[in-house]
Amino acid sequence: MKHSLLKALKSSLLSGLVLAGLLISSGVNAQSSVTISISADTICAGDSLKVFATSSRVSGATYTWSVAVGPSGSLTSTNDTAVFNPTASTLYRVISDSAGFKDTALSFIQIYTNQPVGLTISKDTVCMRDQITLKGSGALTYSYFKGSIASGGGDSVNVIITKNDSVSVIGTDVNGCKMTAFKKVIAKELPTVSFKVYVQGFLSRNKDACATQNFTLKATPGYSAYNWSSSSQIVGSNTDSTITGNTAIAANYAVTATGDNGCSKAFNQLIRTTQQPAKGVTINLVGGNLDTVLCGGEVRRANANTGDFYTWSPASAIDSGSITSTKVRLKPVVDETIILTGIFAGCITRDTIILRVSQLPTLTFVSQTSSAAQPLCEGDGDTIKVNSNSSRILWNTVSSSRTTKTVAFKQTTTFDIIAFNALDCATKITVTSHVDTSCGIKISTEEFEQQNLNAFYNAENNKMILSTSTELVNASVVVFDLSGNEIFNNSVELVPNARMEFDFSSLSNGAYLFRVFNSDSDFTKKFIKH
């Protein structure tokens, strides 16, 4: 019936056009020589057709296209090619011109009216990862899309929403015409949770914990609800963002977090366990001085080793760095036990060192006999006096408890006087004994050697020690004071490598000459008794 009506309409239109003089052919042959090649004469609303005109005349033809009956503006053309874009049923015309011979052809295009298609969705606001159902209506077949992604066909489909998106359906009717319907879907954010594990306040870097010891498991805070579960123990509440757990073996702790928007998501954290190590964190003193005795305001640099995070105590002993630093400088005011607490493999361990603080001994210079303006003659005694609370004073190379000591040098000499306390902390002063080498009796050094004869005076026990590597016979030992008075006289004989001591403790304090001589040699040594 439809095609009969279309033929009748076409026939009527064409008859009218012929009567109106629109169908024209000039020349000898009255039959038109132009034809229109077209794929279909019925299209859906909104579709277009590309058509071509051809002429059977020998000479080349040019073509002029126009709308004969119907809406204007539904035609674009370039010589023999045209595109029909009808918005209603339309009759198109083309006139060919071949060397003055003009021919006309007509094409009638019928429009199918598209039927509207409907789309319903089960939800238009969902939580991310939720599923909704799409259902089309008003068409013969359906194709569904999430955004630009094809999601199947049929009466309905299910899709998972992962973001704010649009869903659509393309419906095809009995004429093959297509219509599209769209819907917007809002996707609400899901909670995002991460975890931190603490053991006695220390962050466990690898989320380990000591077996059978409590640990703290913290989820990202700020959501409206938390619900924890685990095959191992949860100590106390299981509805906070932070829980206390305890497990003997590796275990999963799961939490479902719910946001203010009502969306929930489940997360889990594996807690691994280790046994308490004998020692995890260690204190290492570093630098040039590793002694644990600090003398008079000294400092010690120390490093924390092995663990992940640390706390030093007491804080008052830290001179540089902080209680959580890996490296610190320690300067306690009094004797102190330094404690390093840290986490190692999820367990808390400690190391300690004891730093003893000692004040320096006092040592001050009081007086001495010589001075730069009044030097002593070579070998004369320079009596030096100091004040000190130390019972052990090193005078150049001799240790003594005395605070006054007489020394003698052959030339001007600078030397150290050092006072030590019980912990070997030392205070030092430097003294110069001034000597005029142009005066006095020329004597040997404090320990001399001449022709294999040695003499040494020990000021601590007031004894002169005489030794020889060769035989010494018919020798005399004489002691004089510096005024030339003979104080001591004795005869000696020594075999090779023999040794003899002379006790001069009975002598008065002062300077003396010790002379050893025989027919072959003559030796003199100056010594000071004090």
Protein backbone atom coordinates (compact mmCIF):
# COMPACT_ATOMS: atom_id res chain seq x y z
CA MET A 1 0.00 0.00 0.00
CA LYS A 2 2.84 2.36 1.01
CA HIS A 3 4.75 1.78 -2.21
CA SER A 4 1.56 2.20 -4.31
CA LEU A 5 0.93 5.59 -2.72
CA LEU A 6 4.58 6.58 -3.27
CA LYS A 7 4.35 5.62 -6.96
CA ALA A 8 1.10 7.53 -7.30
CA LEU A 9 2.67 10.59 -5.64
CA LYS A 10 5.75 10.41 -7.85
CA SER A 11 3.55 10.00 -10.96
CA SER A 12 1.38 12.94 -10.00
CA LEU A 13 4.38 15.18 -9.27
CA LEU A 14 6.13 14.22 -12.46
CA SER A 15 2.97 14.76 -14.56
CA GLY A 16 2.49 18.18 -13.06
CA LEU A 17 6.10 19.11 -13.72
CA VAL A 18 5.85 17.98 -17.34
CA LEU A 19 2.71 20.03 -17.84
CA ALA A 20 4.41 22.94 -16.23
CA GLY A 21 7.25 22.67 -18.73
CA LEU A 22 9.85 21.52 -16.13
CA LEU A 23 10.77 18.31 -17.93
CA ILE A 24 12.54 19.71 -20.99
CA SER A 25 14.76 18.18 -23.66
CA SER A 26 16.00 20.29 -26.56
CA GLY A 27 17.50 19.06 -29.76
CA VAL A 28 16.59 16.41 -32.24
CA ASN A 29 15.79 13.75 -29.67
CA ALA A 30 13.04 14.70 -27.26
CA GLN A 31 13.94 11.85 -24.90
CA SER A 32 15.98 13.07 -21.82
CA SER A 33 19.59 11.84 -21.81
CA VAL A 34 20.40 12.61 -18.09
CA THR A 35 19.92 10.10 -15.21
CA ILE A 36 20.42 10.26 -11.40
CA SER A 37 22.23 7.37 -9.69
CA ILE A 38 20.91 6.94 -6.10
CA SER A 39 21.22 4.16 -3.49
CA ALA A 40 17.77 4.60 -1.93
CA ASP A 41 14.73 6.77 -2.26
CA THR A 42 13.66 6.42 1.41
CA ILE A 43 15.84 7.61 4.35
CA CYS A 44 15.53 8.25 8.07
CA ALA A 45 15.16 11.77 9.35
CA GLY A 46 18.60 13.32 9.79
CA ASP A 47 20.29 11.01 7.29
CA SER A 48 21.72 12.19 3.94
CA LEU A 49 22.25 10.70 0.50
CA LYS A 50 25.09 11.19 -1.93
CA VAL A 51 23.88 11.04 -5.59
CA PHE A 52 25.48 11.31 -9.04
CA ALA A 53 24.19 12.58 -12.41
CA THR A 54 25.28 11.13 -15.79
CA SER A 55 24.51 12.11 -19.41
CA SER A 56 24.45 9.89 -22.50
CA ARG A 57 25.23 12.74 -24.87
CA VAL A 58 28.56 12.69 -26.70
CA SER A 59 29.66 16.14 -25.66
CA GLY A 60 30.65 16.72 -22.05
CA ALA A 61 27.81 17.92 -19.85
CA THR A 62 27.53 20.33 -16.94
CA TYR A 63 24.92 19.88 -14.23
CA THR A 64 22.71 22.23 -12.25
CA TRP A 65 20.94 20.88 -9.14
CA SER A 66 17.88 22.30 -7.37
CA VAL A 67 14.91 21.47 -5.11
CA ALA A 68 11.83 21.08 -7.25
CA VAL A 69 9.26 20.46 -4.50
CA GLY A 70 10.00 20.51 -0.77
CA PRO A 71 12.11 22.37 1.84
CA SER A 72 14.86 24.52 0.39
CA GLY A 73 18.38 24.41 1.81
CA SER A 74 18.52 20.61 1.86
CA LEU A 75 20.93 20.31 -1.08
CA THR A 76 24.66 20.81 -1.69
CA SER A 77 26.23 20.02 -5.07
CA THR A 78 29.40 20.13 -7.17
CA ASN A 79 28.71 19.63 -10.90
CA ASP A 80 27.68 15.93 -11.27
CA THR A 81 27.65 15.15 -7.52
CA ALA A 82 25.05 16.23 -4.95
CA VAL A 83 24.21 15.50 -1.31
CA PHE A 84 20.54 15.42 -0.32
CA ASN A 85 19.75 16.41 3.30
CA PRO A 86 15.94 16.43 3.33
CA THR A 87 14.00 17.33 6.47
CA ALA A 88 10.78 16.18 4.81
CA SER A 89 9.83 14.27 1.68
CA THR A 90 11.43 16.25 -1.20
CA LEU A 91 11.63 16.19 -5.04
CA TYR A 92 15.13 17.07 -6.36
CA ARG A 93 15.97 18.15 -9.97
CA VAL A 94 19.13 18.13 -12.06
CA ILE A 95 19.53 19.83 -15.50
CA SER A 96 22.39 18.77 -17.73
CA ASP A 97 23.78 20.98 -20.50
CA SER A 98 25.73 19.31 -23.28
CA ALA A 99 26.75 21.75 -26.00
CA GLY A 100 23.45 23.56 -25.68
CA PHE A 101 21.36 20.42 -25.34
CA LYS A 102 19.63 20.51 -21.96
CA ASP A 103 18.08 17.51 -20.24
CA THR A 104 16.30 17.21 -16.87
CA ALA A 105 15.97 14.36 -14.35
CA LEU A 106 14.02 14.19 -11.06
CA SER A 107 14.51 12.22 -7.80
CA PHE A 108 11.89 11.96 -5.07
CA ILE A 109 13.19 11.21 -1.51
CA GLN A 110 10.79 10.10 1.19
CA ILE A 111 11.58 10.70 4.94
CA TYR A 112 10.76 8.20 7.65
CA THR A 113 9.77 9.87 10.91
CA ASN A 114 12.02 8.55 13.74
CA GLN A 115 10.25 7.21 16.77
CA PRO A 116 11.66 8.43 20.16
CA VAL A 117 13.66 5.91 22.23
CA GLY A 118 13.61 5.82 26.05
CA LEU A 119 16.30 4.90 28.64
CA THR A 120 15.70 4.10 32.29
CA ILE A 121 18.47 3.37 34.86
CA SER A 122 18.15 1.67 38.22
CA LYS A 123 20.14 4.48 40.00
CA ASP A 124 21.48 7.84 38.97
CA THR A 125 23.67 8.34 42.07
CA VAL A 126 25.84 5.43 43.25
CA CYS A 127 29.10 4.68 45.06
CA MET A 128 32.08 4.02 42.84
CA ARG A 129 32.26 0.40 41.71
CA ASP A 130 28.51 -0.07 42.18
CA GLN A 131 26.46 -1.76 39.44
CA ILE A 132 23.38 -0.26 37.77
CA THR A 133 20.90 -1.61 35.19
CA LEU A 134 20.20 0.13 31.83
CA LYS A 135 16.90 -0.57 30.04
CA GLY A 136 15.78 0.83 26.67
CA SER A 137 12.23 1.38 25.35
CA GLY A 138 10.40 2.52 22.14
CA ALA A 139 12.56 0.69 19.60
CA LEU A 140 12.96 -2.72 18.06
CA THR A 141 16.60 -3.38 19.14
CA TYR A 142 19.00 -1.63 21.55
CA SER A 143 22.75 -0.98 21.95
CA TYR A 144 23.99 0.33 25.33
CA PHE A 145 27.06 2.46 26.15
CA LYS A 146 28.90 3.64 29.27
CA GLY A 147 30.59 6.80 28.10
CA SER A 148 32.01 5.75 24.74
CA ILE A 149 32.43 2.12 25.75
CA ALA A 150 29.98 -0.36 24.21
CA SER A 151 28.28 -2.33 26.98
CA GLY A 152 26.15 -4.83 25.06
CA GLY A 153 22.61 -5.01 23.74
CA GLY A 154 19.29 -6.64 24.43
CA ASP A 155 16.36 -5.62 26.59
CA SER A 156 18.70 -4.46 29.43
CA VAL A 157 22.32 -4.62 30.60
CA ASN A 158 24.24 -4.17 33.87
CA VAL A 159 27.26 -1.84 34.03
CA ILE A 160 29.73 -0.95 36.83
CA ILE A 161 30.17 2.77 37.51
CA THR A 162 33.77 3.87 38.27
CA LYS A 163 33.43 7.65 37.92
CA ASN A 164 30.94 10.41 37.12
CA ASP A 165 29.80 9.28 33.69
CA SER A 166 27.02 9.23 31.09
CA VAL A 167 25.16 6.14 29.93
CA SER A 168 23.19 5.89 26.67
CA VAL A 169 21.15 3.63 24.45
CA ILE A 170 20.80 3.61 20.66
CA GLY A 171 17.40 2.23 19.62
CA THR A 172 16.69 0.96 16.08
CA ASP A 173 13.04 0.94 14.82
CA VAL A 174 11.33 -1.23 12.19
CA ASN A 175 12.50 1.09 9.39
CA GLY A 176 16.14 0.77 10.51
CA CYS A 177 16.13 4.35 11.84
CA LYS A 178 18.12 5.02 15.03
CA MET A 179 17.49 7.32 17.97
CA THR A 180 19.67 7.88 21.08
CA ALA A 181 18.83 8.59 24.71
CA PHE A 182 21.30 9.70 27.47
CA LYS A 183 21.40 9.73 31.27
CA LYS A 184 23.97 11.17 33.69
CA VAL A 185 25.25 9.02 36.60
CA ILE A 186 26.95 10.50 39.67
CA ALA A 187 29.64 8.30 41.30
CA LYS A 188 30.39 9.06 44.96
CA GLU A 189 33.98 8.71 46.20
CA LEU A 190 34.97 5.58 48.13
CA PRO A 191 37.12 5.77 51.26
CA THR A 192 40.87 5.47 50.70
CA VAL A 193 42.68 3.89 53.63
CA SER A 194 46.38 3.32 54.35
CA PHE A 195 47.90 1.83 57.49
CA LYS A 196 50.67 2.53 59.99
CA VAL A 197 51.85 0.16 62.71
CA TYR A 198 53.29 1.43 66.01
CA VAL A 199 54.98 -0.55 68.75
CA GLN A 200 55.28 1.30 72.08
CA GLY A 201 55.03 4.58 70.22
CA PHE A 202 57.62 3.69 67.56
CA LEU A 203 56.63 3.45 63.89
CA SER A 204 57.29 -0.04 62.54
CA ARG A 205 58.68 0.63 59.08
CA ASN A 206 57.82 -2.81 57.68
CA LYS A 207 54.58 -3.16 59.66
CA ASP A 208 56.13 -5.91 61.79
CA ALA A 209 55.32 -6.53 65.45
CA CYS A 210 56.77 -8.60 68.26
CA ALA A 211 54.93 -11.88 68.71
CA THR A 212 52.32 -11.87 71.52
CA GLN A 213 53.00 -8.19 72.31
CA ASN A 214 50.46 -5.40 71.80
CA PHE A 215 50.83 -3.16 68.77
CA THR A 216 48.81 -0.21 67.49
CA LEU A 217 47.31 -0.33 64.00
CA LYS A 218 46.22 3.04 62.62
CA ALA A 219 44.00 3.47 59.54
CA THR A 220 43.58 6.78 57.73
CA PRO A 221 41.35 8.84 60.05
CA GLY A 222 38.38 11.07 59.17
CA TYR A 223 35.71 8.64 57.97
CA SER A 224 32.37 8.32 59.72
CA ALA A 225 32.61 4.64 60.63
CA TYR A 226 35.14 1.80 60.91
CA ASN A 227 34.50 -1.88 61.43
CA TRP A 228 37.53 -4.10 62.11
CA SER A 229 37.84 -7.86 62.05
CA SER A 230 40.68 -10.37 62.32
CA SER A 231 41.33 -14.00 63.08
CA SER A 232 43.78 -12.72 65.73
CA GLN A 233 43.11 -10.69 68.83
CA ILE A 234 41.78 -7.12 68.76
CA VAL A 235 42.31 -5.56 72.17
CA GLY A 236 39.47 -3.19 73.06
CA SER A 237 37.28 -1.37 70.53
CA ASN A 238 37.06 -2.47 66.91
CA THR A 239 35.08 0.56 65.69
CA ASP A 240 37.75 3.30 65.85
CA SER A 241 40.25 4.34 63.19
CA THR A 242 42.98 3.06 65.56
CA ILE A 243 42.95 -0.35 67.22
CA THR A 244 45.26 -2.36 69.46
CA GLY A 245 46.15 -5.82 68.20
CA ASN A 246 48.06 -8.82 69.46
CA THR A 247 49.07 -11.85 67.44
CA ALA A 248 51.50 -14.74 67.83
CA ILE A 249 51.84 -15.36 64.10
CA ALA A 250 51.40 -13.37 60.89
CA ALA A 251 47.77 -12.30 60.60
CA ASN A 252 45.50 -10.09 58.49
CA TYR A 253 43.56 -7.27 60.09
CA ALA A 254 40.61 -6.09 57.96
CA VAL A 255 38.61 -2.86 58.23
CA THR A 256 35.57 -1.55 56.38
CA ALA A 257 35.56 2.24 56.31
CA THR A 258 32.37 4.22 55.60
CA GLY A 259 32.46 7.87 54.50
CA ASP A 260 29.98 10.65 55.23
CA ASN A 261 28.47 10.00 51.78
CA GLY A 262 27.48 6.49 52.87
CA CYS A 263 29.99 4.73 50.64
CA SER A 264 32.07 1.92 52.12
CA LYS A 265 35.17 0.01 51.12
CA ALA A 266 37.07 -2.87 52.74
CA PHE A 267 40.84 -2.90 53.31
CA ASN A 268 43.23 -5.26 55.07
CA GLN A 269 46.75 -5.16 56.47
CA LEU A 270 49.06 -8.11 57.02
CA ILE A 271 50.91 -7.93 60.35
CA ARG A 272 54.07 -10.02 60.40
CA THR A 273 55.59 -11.09 63.71
CA THR A 274 59.16 -11.56 64.95
CA GLN A 275 60.64 -12.84 68.19
CA GLN A 276 62.20 -10.35 70.60
CA PRO A 277 65.89 -10.00 69.62
CA ALA A 278 68.53 -10.08 72.34
CA LYS A 279 69.77 -6.70 71.12
CA GLY A 280 68.60 -4.72 68.15
CA VAL A 281 69.66 -1.10 68.48
CA THR A 282 73.22 -0.24 69.54
CA ILE A 283 75.15 2.86 70.62
CA ASN A 284 78.48 3.50 68.91
CA LEU A 285 80.81 6.24 70.09
CA VAL A 286 82.53 7.75 67.07
CA GLY A 287 85.40 10.12 66.46
CA GLY A 288 88.90 10.35 67.87
CA ASN A 289 88.04 9.83 71.55
CA LEU A 290 86.08 6.70 72.44
CA ASP A 291 86.78 6.96 76.20
CA THR A 292 83.65 7.00 78.36
CA VAL A 293 85.25 9.43 80.83
CA LEU A 294 84.53 13.06 79.98
CA CYS A 295 87.08 15.46 81.41
CA GLY A 296 86.11 19.05 82.12
CA GLY A 297 83.30 19.70 79.65
CA GLU A 298 84.32 17.23 76.93
CA VAL A 299 81.70 15.87 74.51
CA ARG A 300 81.25 12.51 72.81
CA ARG A 301 79.67 11.92 69.44
CA ALA A 302 77.45 8.84 69.24
CA ASN A 303 75.53 7.04 66.50
CA ALA A 304 72.43 4.87 66.79
CA ASN A 305 72.79 1.71 64.72
CA THR A 306 70.65 -1.11 63.30
CA GLY A 307 67.14 0.03 64.24
CA ASP A 308 64.63 2.15 62.31
CA PHE A 309 63.60 4.87 64.78
CA TYR A 310 65.17 5.93 68.06
CA THR A 311 64.81 7.84 71.33
CA TRP A 312 67.79 8.99 73.39
CA SER A 313 67.54 9.70 77.10
CA PRO A 314 68.04 11.70 79.17
CA ALA A 315 67.44 14.62 76.85
CA SER A 316 69.52 16.86 79.15
CA ALA A 317 72.66 14.94 78.10
CA ILE A 318 72.23 15.83 74.41
CA ASP A 319 74.35 18.79 73.35
CA SER A 320 73.59 18.60 69.60
CA GLY A 321 70.83 16.75 67.75
CA SER A 322 67.49 15.68 69.19
CA ILE A 323 66.16 12.74 71.17
CA THR A 324 65.05 11.10 67.88
CA SER A 325 68.23 11.78 65.85
CA THR A 326 70.36 8.98 64.47
CA LYS A 327 73.47 11.00 65.37
CA VAL A 328 73.89 13.04 68.55
CA ARG A 329 76.58 14.80 70.52
CA LEU A 330 76.53 13.97 74.22
CA LYS A 331 77.61 16.33 76.99
CA PRO A 332 76.21 15.26 80.37
CA VAL A 333 76.76 17.52 83.36
CA VAL A 334 77.12 14.65 85.86
CA ASP A 335 77.76 10.92 85.59
CA GLU A 336 74.95 9.65 83.37
CA THR A 337 73.62 6.39 81.99
CA ILE A 338 72.79 7.07 78.34
CA ILE A 339 69.87 4.96 77.10
CA LEU A 340 69.06 4.40 73.44
CA THR A 341 65.59 2.93 72.83
CA GLY A 342 64.55 1.94 69.31
CA ILE A 343 62.51 -0.38 67.16
CA PHE A 344 64.14 -3.25 65.31
CA ALA A 345 62.15 -5.81 63.27
CA GLY A 346 58.97 -4.65 65.01
CA CYS A 347 60.38 -5.11 68.51
CA ILE A 348 61.61 -2.55 71.04
CA THR A 349 65.23 -2.97 72.13
CA ARG A 350 67.66 -0.86 74.19
CA ASP A 351 71.36 -0.23 74.60
CA THR A 352 73.14 1.75 77.31
CA ILE A 353 76.51 3.31 78.02
CA ILE A 354 77.73 5.01 81.19
CA LEU A 355 79.50 8.33 80.72
CA ARG A 356 81.50 9.50 83.73
CA VAL A 357 82.00 13.23 84.10
CA SER A 358 85.14 14.40 85.87
CA GLN A 359 86.21 17.96 86.62
CA LEU A 360 89.76 18.82 85.66
CA PRO A 361 92.31 19.00 88.47
CA THR A 362 93.44 22.48 89.48
CA LEU A 363 96.95 23.49 88.50
CA THR A 364 98.26 27.07 88.69
CA PHE A 365 101.76 28.47 88.50
CA VAL A 366 103.03 30.22 91.68
CA SER A 367 106.74 31.03 91.27
CA GLN A 368 110.16 29.92 90.02
CA THR A 369 113.76 30.94 90.65
CA SER A 370 114.77 31.77 87.09
CA SER A 371 113.35 34.35 84.74
CA ALA A 372 114.22 35.70 81.34
CA ALA A 373 115.75 38.75 83.04
CA GLN A 374 117.64 36.69 85.65
CA PRO A 375 118.63 33.34 84.13
CA LEU A 376 120.50 30.71 86.17
CA CYS A 377 123.96 29.43 85.41
CA GLU A 378 124.22 26.04 83.73
CA GLY A 379 123.35 23.30 86.22
CA ASP A 380 121.96 25.62 88.88
CA GLY A 381 118.70 24.54 90.48
CA ASP A 382 115.48 26.26 89.33
CA THR A 383 112.91 25.85 92.10
CA ILE A 384 109.38 25.90 90.65
CA LYS A 385 106.22 26.07 92.76
CA VAL A 386 102.63 25.35 91.68
CA ASN A 387 99.26 25.04 93.39
CA SER A 388 97.18 21.92 92.63
CA ASN A 389 94.55 19.66 94.19
CA SER A 390 96.14 16.68 92.41
CA SER A 391 98.22 14.04 94.14
CA ARG A 392 99.96 13.10 90.88
CA ILE A 393 101.92 15.75 89.03
CA LEU A 394 104.18 15.05 86.08
CA TRP A 395 107.22 17.36 86.12
CA ASN A 396 108.59 17.05 82.61
CA THR A 397 109.36 13.27 82.82
CA VAL A 398 109.19 12.65 86.58
CA SER A 399 105.93 11.94 88.39
CA SER A 400 105.57 13.28 91.94
CA SER A 401 103.03 14.37 94.52
CA ARG A 402 105.03 17.51 95.30
CA THR A 403 103.90 20.97 94.33
CA THR A 404 107.45 22.35 94.62
CA LYS A 405 110.36 20.91 92.65
CA THR A 406 113.90 21.96 91.75
CA VAL A 407 115.14 21.20 88.24
CA ALA A 408 118.44 21.95 86.49
CA PHE A 409 119.19 22.23 82.79
CA LYS A 410 122.27 22.88 80.68
CA GLN A 411 120.34 25.38 78.53
CA THR A 412 117.06 27.30 78.49
CA THR A 413 114.33 24.64 78.36
CA THR A 414 110.54 24.78 78.05
CA PHE A 415 108.65 21.81 79.49
CA ASP A 416 105.15 20.80 80.66
CA ILE A 417 103.86 20.32 84.17
CA ILE A 418 100.73 18.13 84.11
CA ALA A 419 98.34 17.39 86.98
CA PHE A 420 96.17 14.24 86.82
CA ASN A 421 93.09 13.26 88.81
CA ALA A 422 91.92 9.74 89.67
CA LEU A 423 90.21 9.35 86.24
CA ASP A 424 93.33 10.54 84.38
CA CYS A 425 91.80 13.87 83.47
CA ALA A 426 94.68 16.30 83.09
CA THR A 427 95.44 20.00 83.40
CA LYS A 428 98.67 21.28 81.88
CA ILE A 429 100.81 24.38 82.24
CA THR A 430 104.01 25.13 80.36
CA VAL A 431 107.08 26.52 82.13
CA THR A 432 110.42 27.79 80.81
CA SER A 433 113.60 27.40 82.89
CA HIS A 434 116.02 30.14 81.80
CA VAL A 435 119.74 29.25 81.69
CA ASP A 436 122.82 31.40 80.93
CA THR A 437 125.24 28.97 79.28
CA SER A 438 128.17 31.38 79.68
CA CYS A 439 128.49 30.81 83.43
CA GLY A 440 128.64 27.92 85.91
CA ILE A 441 130.47 24.60 86.00
CA LYS A 442 130.36 22.58 82.79
CA ILE A 443 128.77 19.25 83.57
CA SER A 444 127.37 16.36 81.68
CA THR A 445 123.74 15.75 80.91
CA GLU A 446 121.29 14.36 83.50
CA GLU A 447 122.13 10.87 82.26
CA PHE A 448 125.61 10.86 80.82
CA GLU A 449 127.79 8.20 79.32
CA GLN A 450 131.57 8.53 79.03
CA GLN A 451 133.97 5.69 78.47
CA ASN A 452 131.16 3.23 79.35
CA LEU A 453 130.50 4.81 82.77
CA ASN A 454 126.94 5.82 83.66
CA ALA A 455 125.57 7.79 86.60
CA PHE A 456 121.90 8.53 87.27
CA TYR A 457 120.39 10.47 90.20
CA ASN A 458 116.86 9.46 91.24
CA ALA A 459 115.36 12.49 92.97
CA GLU A 460 112.43 10.46 94.30
CA ASN A 461 114.55 8.23 96.57
CA ASN A 462 117.67 10.48 96.70
CA LYS A 463 119.97 7.77 95.38
CA MET A 464 122.77 8.04 92.84
CA ILE A 465 123.20 4.91 90.71
CA LEU A 466 126.64 4.23 89.24
CA SER A 467 127.20 1.51 86.65
CA THR A 468 129.90 0.55 84.16
CA SER A 469 130.25 -1.86 81.27
CA THR A 470 134.00 -2.15 81.84
CA GLU A 471 136.18 -2.71 84.90
CA LEU A 472 136.62 0.28 87.20
CA VAL A 473 139.55 -0.04 89.69
CA ASN A 474 141.16 2.24 92.29
CA ALA A 475 138.43 4.84 91.74
CA SER A 476 137.33 7.53 94.15
CA VAL A 477 133.80 8.88 94.55
CA VAL A 478 133.64 12.43 95.96
CA VAL A 479 130.69 14.76 96.52
CA PHE A 480 131.16 18.56 96.75
CA ASP A 481 128.72 21.34 97.39
CA LEU A 482 128.87 24.30 95.01
CA SER A 483 131.11 26.16 97.46
CA GLY A 484 133.74 23.45 96.97
CA ASN A 485 133.31 21.76 100.33
CA GLU A 486 133.82 18.00 100.27
CA ILE A 487 130.71 16.29 101.63
CA PHE A 488 131.36 12.65 100.77
CA ASN A 489 134.42 10.56 99.85
CA ASN A 490 134.60 6.83 99.15
CA SER A 491 136.74 4.37 97.18
CA VAL A 492 135.10 1.99 94.73
CA GLU A 493 136.00 -0.87 92.43
CA LEU A 494 133.49 -2.18 89.89
CA VAL A 495 133.69 -5.26 87.72
CA PRO A 496 132.21 -5.10 84.19
CA ASN A 497 128.43 -4.56 84.14
CA ALA A 498 128.41 -3.91 87.90
CA ARG A 499 126.05 -1.46 89.61
CA MET A 500 126.41 0.55 92.84
CA GLU A 501 124.00 2.84 94.69
CA PHE A 502 124.86 5.80 96.91
CA ASP A 503 122.22 7.06 99.36
CA PHE A 504 122.28 10.87 99.67
CA SER A 505 119.02 11.24 101.62
CA SER A 506 120.96 12.65 104.56
CA LEU A 507 122.24 15.60 102.53
CA SER A 508 120.64 18.99 102.92
CA ASN A 509 118.60 20.30 100.04
CA GLY A 510 120.72 21.97 97.43
CA ALA A 511 122.97 21.47 94.43
CA TYR A 512 126.01 19.14 94.51
CA LEU A 513 128.77 17.79 92.28
CA PHE A 514 129.25 14.01 92.06
CA ARG A 515 132.78 13.12 90.91
CA VAL A 516 134.16 9.69 89.93
CA PHE A 517 137.86 9.52 88.99
CA ASN A 518 140.96 7.31 88.83
CA SER A 519 144.23 7.40 86.97
CA ASP A 520 142.50 6.79 83.63
CA SER A 521 139.36 8.97 83.74
CA ASP A 522 137.60 11.73 85.61
CA PHE A 523 133.77 12.21 85.51
CA THR A 524 131.64 14.90 87.11
CA LYS A 525 127.86 15.03 87.40
CA LYS A 526 125.73 17.73 89.01
CA PHE A 527 122.63 16.76 90.97
CA ILE A 528 120.06 18.56 93.08
CA LYS A 529 118.71 17.25 96.36
CA HIS A 530 115.30 18.61 97.33
